Protein backbone atom coordinates (compact mmCIF):
# COMPACT_ATOMS: atom_id res chain seq x y z
CA MET A 1 4.00 24.58 13.01
CA ASN A 2 0.68 24.35 11.16
CA LYS A 3 0.46 26.77 8.21
CA TRP A 4 -2.90 28.12 9.42
CA VAL A 5 -1.37 28.91 12.82
CA LYS A 6 1.44 30.82 11.09
CA ARG A 7 -1.05 32.81 9.02
CA GLY A 8 -3.11 33.59 12.11
CA ILE A 9 -0.03 34.88 13.94
CA LEU A 10 0.83 37.10 10.95
CA VAL A 11 -2.68 38.61 10.87
CA VAL A 12 -2.58 39.31 14.62
CA VAL A 13 0.83 41.01 14.29
CA LEU A 14 -0.38 43.22 11.44
CA VAL A 15 -3.51 44.24 13.36
CA LEU A 16 -1.72 44.92 16.64
CA ALA A 17 1.33 46.69 15.18
CA PRO A 18 -0.34 50.15 14.78
CA ILE A 19 -1.94 49.93 18.24
CA VAL A 20 1.35 48.97 19.89
CA MET A 21 3.17 51.71 17.95
CA SER A 22 0.72 54.41 19.01
CA ASN A 23 1.04 53.46 22.68
CA LEU A 24 4.83 53.22 22.55
CA MET A 25 5.05 56.80 21.25
CA GLU A 26 3.45 57.99 24.48
CA ILE A 27 5.90 56.40 26.91
CA TYR A 28 9.59 56.92 27.71
CA PRO A 29 12.00 56.75 25.92
CA PHE A 30 9.99 56.70 22.68
CA ASN A 31 8.26 60.00 23.48
CA LYS A 32 11.71 61.66 23.37
CA VAL A 33 12.37 60.55 19.75
CA PRO A 34 12.24 63.52 17.33
CA GLY A 35 9.35 63.62 14.88
CA GLU A 36 5.59 63.63 14.92
CA ASN A 37 3.53 60.54 15.49
CA SER A 38 2.10 60.84 12.00
CA ASP A 39 5.64 60.69 10.58
CA TRP A 40 6.40 57.52 12.48
CA PHE A 41 3.12 55.94 11.39
CA ALA A 42 4.02 56.73 7.77
CA PHE A 43 7.44 55.15 8.30
CA LEU A 44 5.88 52.11 9.94
CA GLY A 45 3.42 51.73 7.07
CA GLY A 46 6.20 51.81 4.49
CA TYR A 47 8.35 49.45 6.56
CA LEU A 48 5.57 46.87 6.99
CA GLY A 49 4.65 47.23 3.32
CA ALA A 50 8.22 46.39 2.29
CA ILE A 51 8.25 43.37 4.60
CA LEU A 52 4.94 42.11 3.17
CA THR A 53 6.20 42.58 -0.38
CA VAL A 54 9.39 40.63 0.25
CA GLY A 55 7.43 37.97 2.14
CA GLY A 56 4.91 37.66 -0.70
CA VAL A 57 7.66 37.25 -3.31
CA TYR A 58 9.42 34.66 -1.15
CA TYR A 59 6.17 32.74 -0.62
CA GLN A 60 5.40 32.73 -4.35
CA ILE A 61 8.88 31.49 -5.32
CA SER A 62 8.83 28.87 -2.55
CA SER A 63 5.39 27.61 -3.66
CA GLU A 64 6.49 27.39 -7.30
CA ASN A 65 9.61 25.44 -6.33
CA LYS A 66 7.57 23.00 -4.25
CA ASN A 67 5.05 22.52 -7.06
CA ASN A 68 7.85 21.91 -9.57
CA GLU A 69 9.47 19.41 -7.21
CA LYS A 70 6.18 17.55 -6.74
CA LEU A 71 5.69 17.47 -10.52
CA GLU A 72 9.15 15.98 -11.05
CA PHE A 73 8.51 13.35 -8.38
CA ARG A 74 5.14 12.51 -9.92
CA LYS A 75 6.74 12.06 -13.35
CA SER A 76 9.36 9.68 -11.94
CA ARG A 77 6.96 7.33 -10.12
CA PRO A 78 6.39 3.85 -11.53
CA TYR A 79 2.92 2.30 -11.65
CA PHE A 80 2.16 -1.34 -10.91
CA ALA A 81 -0.46 -3.86 -11.93
CA ILE A 82 -0.74 -6.64 -9.32
CA THR A 83 -2.79 -9.81 -9.79
CA ILE A 84 -3.22 -13.20 -8.13
CA LYS A 85 -2.33 -15.98 -10.56
CA GLY A 86 -2.59 -19.75 -10.60
CA LYS A 87 0.65 -20.39 -12.48
CA TYR A 88 3.95 -18.75 -13.41
CA ASP A 89 5.16 -17.50 -16.74
CA THR A 90 8.37 -19.40 -17.59
CA LEU A 91 9.74 -16.34 -19.41
CA SER A 92 9.59 -14.19 -16.25
CA ASP A 93 11.58 -14.16 -13.01
CA VAL A 94 9.95 -16.17 -10.21
CA TYR A 95 10.86 -15.68 -6.54
CA PHE A 96 10.34 -18.34 -3.88
CA LYS A 97 10.29 -18.25 -0.09
CA ASN A 98 13.08 -20.77 0.34
CA GLU A 99 15.40 -23.17 -1.46
CA LYS A 100 13.03 -26.12 -0.97
CA ASP A 101 10.14 -24.39 -2.79
CA LYS A 102 12.48 -23.34 -5.57
CA ASN A 103 13.79 -26.90 -6.08
CA ASN A 104 10.27 -28.33 -5.97
CA ALA A 105 9.23 -25.92 -8.69
CA LEU A 106 12.10 -27.12 -10.87
CA LYS A 107 11.27 -30.78 -10.26
CA ASN A 108 7.64 -30.23 -11.26
CA ILE A 109 8.46 -28.57 -14.57
CA THR A 110 7.06 -30.42 -17.57
CA ALA A 111 8.21 -30.17 -21.17
CA TYR A 112 6.09 -30.83 -24.23
CA GLU A 113 6.36 -30.33 -27.96
CA ALA A 114 4.23 -27.81 -29.83
CA SER A 115 4.63 -26.67 -33.44
CA GLY A 116 7.90 -28.57 -33.70
CA ALA A 117 9.49 -26.86 -30.66
CA MET A 118 9.88 -27.81 -27.03
CA ARG A 119 7.70 -25.87 -24.61
CA ILE A 120 8.20 -25.62 -20.87
CA ARG A 121 5.48 -25.41 -18.25
CA TYR A 122 5.45 -25.08 -14.46
CA HIS A 123 2.97 -26.98 -12.35
CA ASP A 124 0.06 -24.94 -11.03
CA ASP A 125 1.02 -22.87 -8.01
CA LYS A 126 -0.55 -19.85 -6.36
CA CYS A 127 1.48 -16.70 -6.90
CA VAL A 128 1.35 -12.93 -7.11
CA ARG A 129 2.30 -11.26 -10.37
CA ILE A 130 3.64 -7.71 -10.30
CA GLN A 131 4.02 -5.80 -13.55
CA ASN A 132 5.70 -2.43 -13.82
CA ALA A 133 3.21 -0.68 -16.11
CA SER A 134 5.35 2.43 -16.65
CA THR A 135 8.51 3.69 -18.34
CA HIS A 136 10.28 4.16 -14.98
CA HIS A 137 12.42 1.87 -12.84
CA ALA A 138 11.60 1.02 -9.22
CA PHE A 139 14.59 0.35 -6.96
CA SER A 140 15.07 -1.43 -3.62
CA LEU A 141 11.72 -3.14 -3.94
CA GLN A 142 10.25 -4.87 -0.90
CA VAL A 143 7.15 -7.02 -1.45
CA LYS A 144 5.19 -8.00 1.65
CA ILE A 145 2.45 -10.58 0.94
CA GLU A 146 0.09 -11.13 3.85
CA CYS A 147 -1.64 -14.52 3.85
CA GLU A 148 -4.10 -16.06 6.30
CA ASN A 149 -1.45 -18.05 8.18
CA GLU A 150 1.82 -16.31 7.38
CA GLU A 151 3.59 -13.22 6.09
CA ASN A 152 5.98 -13.48 3.14
CA ILE A 153 8.61 -10.82 2.47
CA PHE A 154 10.63 -10.68 -0.74
CA ARG A 155 13.37 -8.15 -1.54
CA ILE A 156 14.77 -7.38 -4.98
CA GLN A 157 17.10 -4.67 -6.20
CA TYR A 158 14.95 -3.27 -9.01
CA ILE A 159 12.17 -3.87 -11.50
CA LYS A 160 12.56 -2.50 -15.01
CA PRO A 161 9.93 -0.69 -17.11
CA TYR A 162 7.19 -3.07 -18.30
CA GLN A 163 8.90 -6.01 -16.58
CA GLU A 164 6.74 -8.55 -14.77
CA ILE A 165 7.85 -10.79 -11.92
CA TYR A 166 6.17 -13.54 -9.90
CA PHE A 167 6.24 -14.33 -6.18
CA SER A 168 5.31 -17.84 -5.06
CA VAL A 169 3.12 -18.12 -1.97
CA ASN A 170 1.40 -21.44 -2.75
CA THR A 171 -1.75 -20.65 -0.77
CA ASP A 172 -5.27 -19.47 -1.54
CA GLY A 173 -5.37 -17.20 1.50
CA ILE A 174 -3.76 -14.05 0.06
CA MET A 175 -5.11 -11.09 2.05
CA SER A 176 -2.97 -8.12 1.02
CA VAL A 177 0.17 -7.02 -0.83
CA GLU A 178 2.34 -4.08 0.22
CA LEU A 179 5.06 -2.65 -2.04
CA THR A 180 7.78 -0.38 -0.71
CA PHE A 181 10.32 1.02 -3.16
CA LEU A 182 12.40 3.98 -4.34
CA SER A 183 11.59 5.94 -7.49
CA GLU A 184 14.22 7.11 -9.97
CA LEU A 185 14.52 10.32 -7.92
CA ARG A 186 15.01 8.22 -4.74
CA GLU A 187 11.60 9.13 -3.37
CA LYS A 188 10.30 6.44 -1.04
CA GLU A 189 6.81 5.16 -1.69
CA ARG A 190 4.55 2.54 -0.17
CA ILE A 191 1.60 1.10 -2.13
CA TYR A 192 -1.00 -1.11 -0.50
CA PHE A 193 -3.35 -3.60 -2.20
CA LEU A 194 -6.15 -5.42 -0.41
CA SER A 195 -7.68 -8.69 -1.63
CA GLU A 196 -11.37 -8.41 -2.50
CA ASN A 197 -13.10 -11.38 -4.18
CA ASN A 198 -9.71 -12.80 -5.16
CA LEU A 199 -8.71 -9.49 -6.79
CA LEU A 200 -6.06 -7.14 -5.45
CA VAL A 201 -7.50 -3.63 -5.17
CA HIS A 202 -5.30 -0.56 -4.65
CA LYS A 203 -6.09 1.26 -1.40
CA LYS A 204 -5.01 4.86 -1.86
CA ASP A 205 -5.78 5.82 1.74
CA LEU A 206 -3.29 3.20 3.01
CA SER A 207 -0.56 4.09 0.50
CA ARG A 208 2.02 6.69 1.47
CA LEU A 209 4.68 8.91 -0.06
CA GLU A 210 7.82 9.92 1.80
CA SER A 211 7.06 13.59 1.05
CA ASP A 212 3.73 13.23 2.92
CA MET A 213 5.29 11.58 5.95
CA ASN A 214 5.73 14.33 8.51
CA GLU A 215 5.18 12.27 11.65
CA ARG A 216 8.11 10.50 13.25
CA GLU A 217 6.25 7.20 13.58
CA ASP A 218 5.50 7.07 9.85
CA ASN A 219 9.13 7.71 8.99
CA LYS A 220 10.19 4.98 11.39
CA LYS A 221 8.27 2.40 9.36
CA PHE A 222 10.62 3.01 6.46
CA SER A 223 13.76 2.85 8.60
CA ASP A 224 13.47 -0.94 8.99
CA TYR A 225 13.38 -1.38 5.24
CA ASN A 226 16.60 -1.94 3.30
CA PRO A 227 16.13 -4.45 0.47
CA ASN A 228 19.59 -3.89 -1.00
CA VAL A 229 21.18 -5.57 2.01
CA ASN A 230 19.25 -8.83 1.78
CA GLU A 231 18.03 -9.53 -1.75
CA SER A 232 15.98 -12.67 -2.18
CA GLU A 233 18.25 -15.53 -3.29
CA PHE A 234 15.58 -18.01 -4.25
CA LYS A 235 14.88 -16.96 -7.81
CA LEU A 236 14.32 -18.80 -11.07
CA ASP A 237 14.68 -17.08 -14.43
CA LYS A 238 14.01 -18.42 -17.92
CA TYR A 239 17.66 -19.42 -18.44
CA MET A 240 17.70 -21.60 -15.32
CA VAL A 241 14.42 -23.22 -16.35
CA GLU A 242 15.54 -23.84 -19.92
CA ASP A 243 18.87 -25.28 -18.75
CA TYR A 244 17.11 -27.62 -16.30
CA ALA A 245 14.64 -28.74 -18.98
CA LEU A 246 17.38 -29.46 -21.52
CA LYS A 247 19.29 -31.57 -19.01
CA ASN A 248 16.33 -33.56 -17.78
CA PHE A 249 14.02 -34.08 -20.75
């Protein structure tokens, strides 16, 4: 029930209580109860006053607990920087849509010497870089990248503080990126970024927190999401890349 409806009902009850009480004292069997009407009104006043006092204390404690809970959730939430890139960083994890794209990325790696050491470089490929710009982990991360002709979904178990990861889409038509994840306190959150002039801009009005999701339909959107069950298999990390380069160059 809406909180304003509840408050309205409470006001109506408080206003009508004396009127109802005065009329009840005039009809049977209440008119047979010992005592003057003024005595009963005094009792009713004290009784309602006690109820309001207890209710006020309960409301204050409940509000403080909710505010403290919201503060703890806010402190545990990670923050992300998301950008569209033209190449991968070979020191970061890179996720691909399928085994073919992953193998092609390996085959197109080039090695060169700089300052007396071998350097490794991917070929240019359109991708989305996500950096956790906080001191908090994000778990059960689902990344949905909407492109002009297709939708790409990647699932990973977690992203560590300050870690950055790449997702290969190999297309210029990136329209939006949606992140769904769990915070360290297991609060579900969805963050939405929309592409504007080849930049991904956070849209706060399209992002949602589990604690704000009171409607059944909104909760249902999260029920289809379980990244832990089906983590993306098509990943390259720096060790795989270095091992491939050493064997082939």
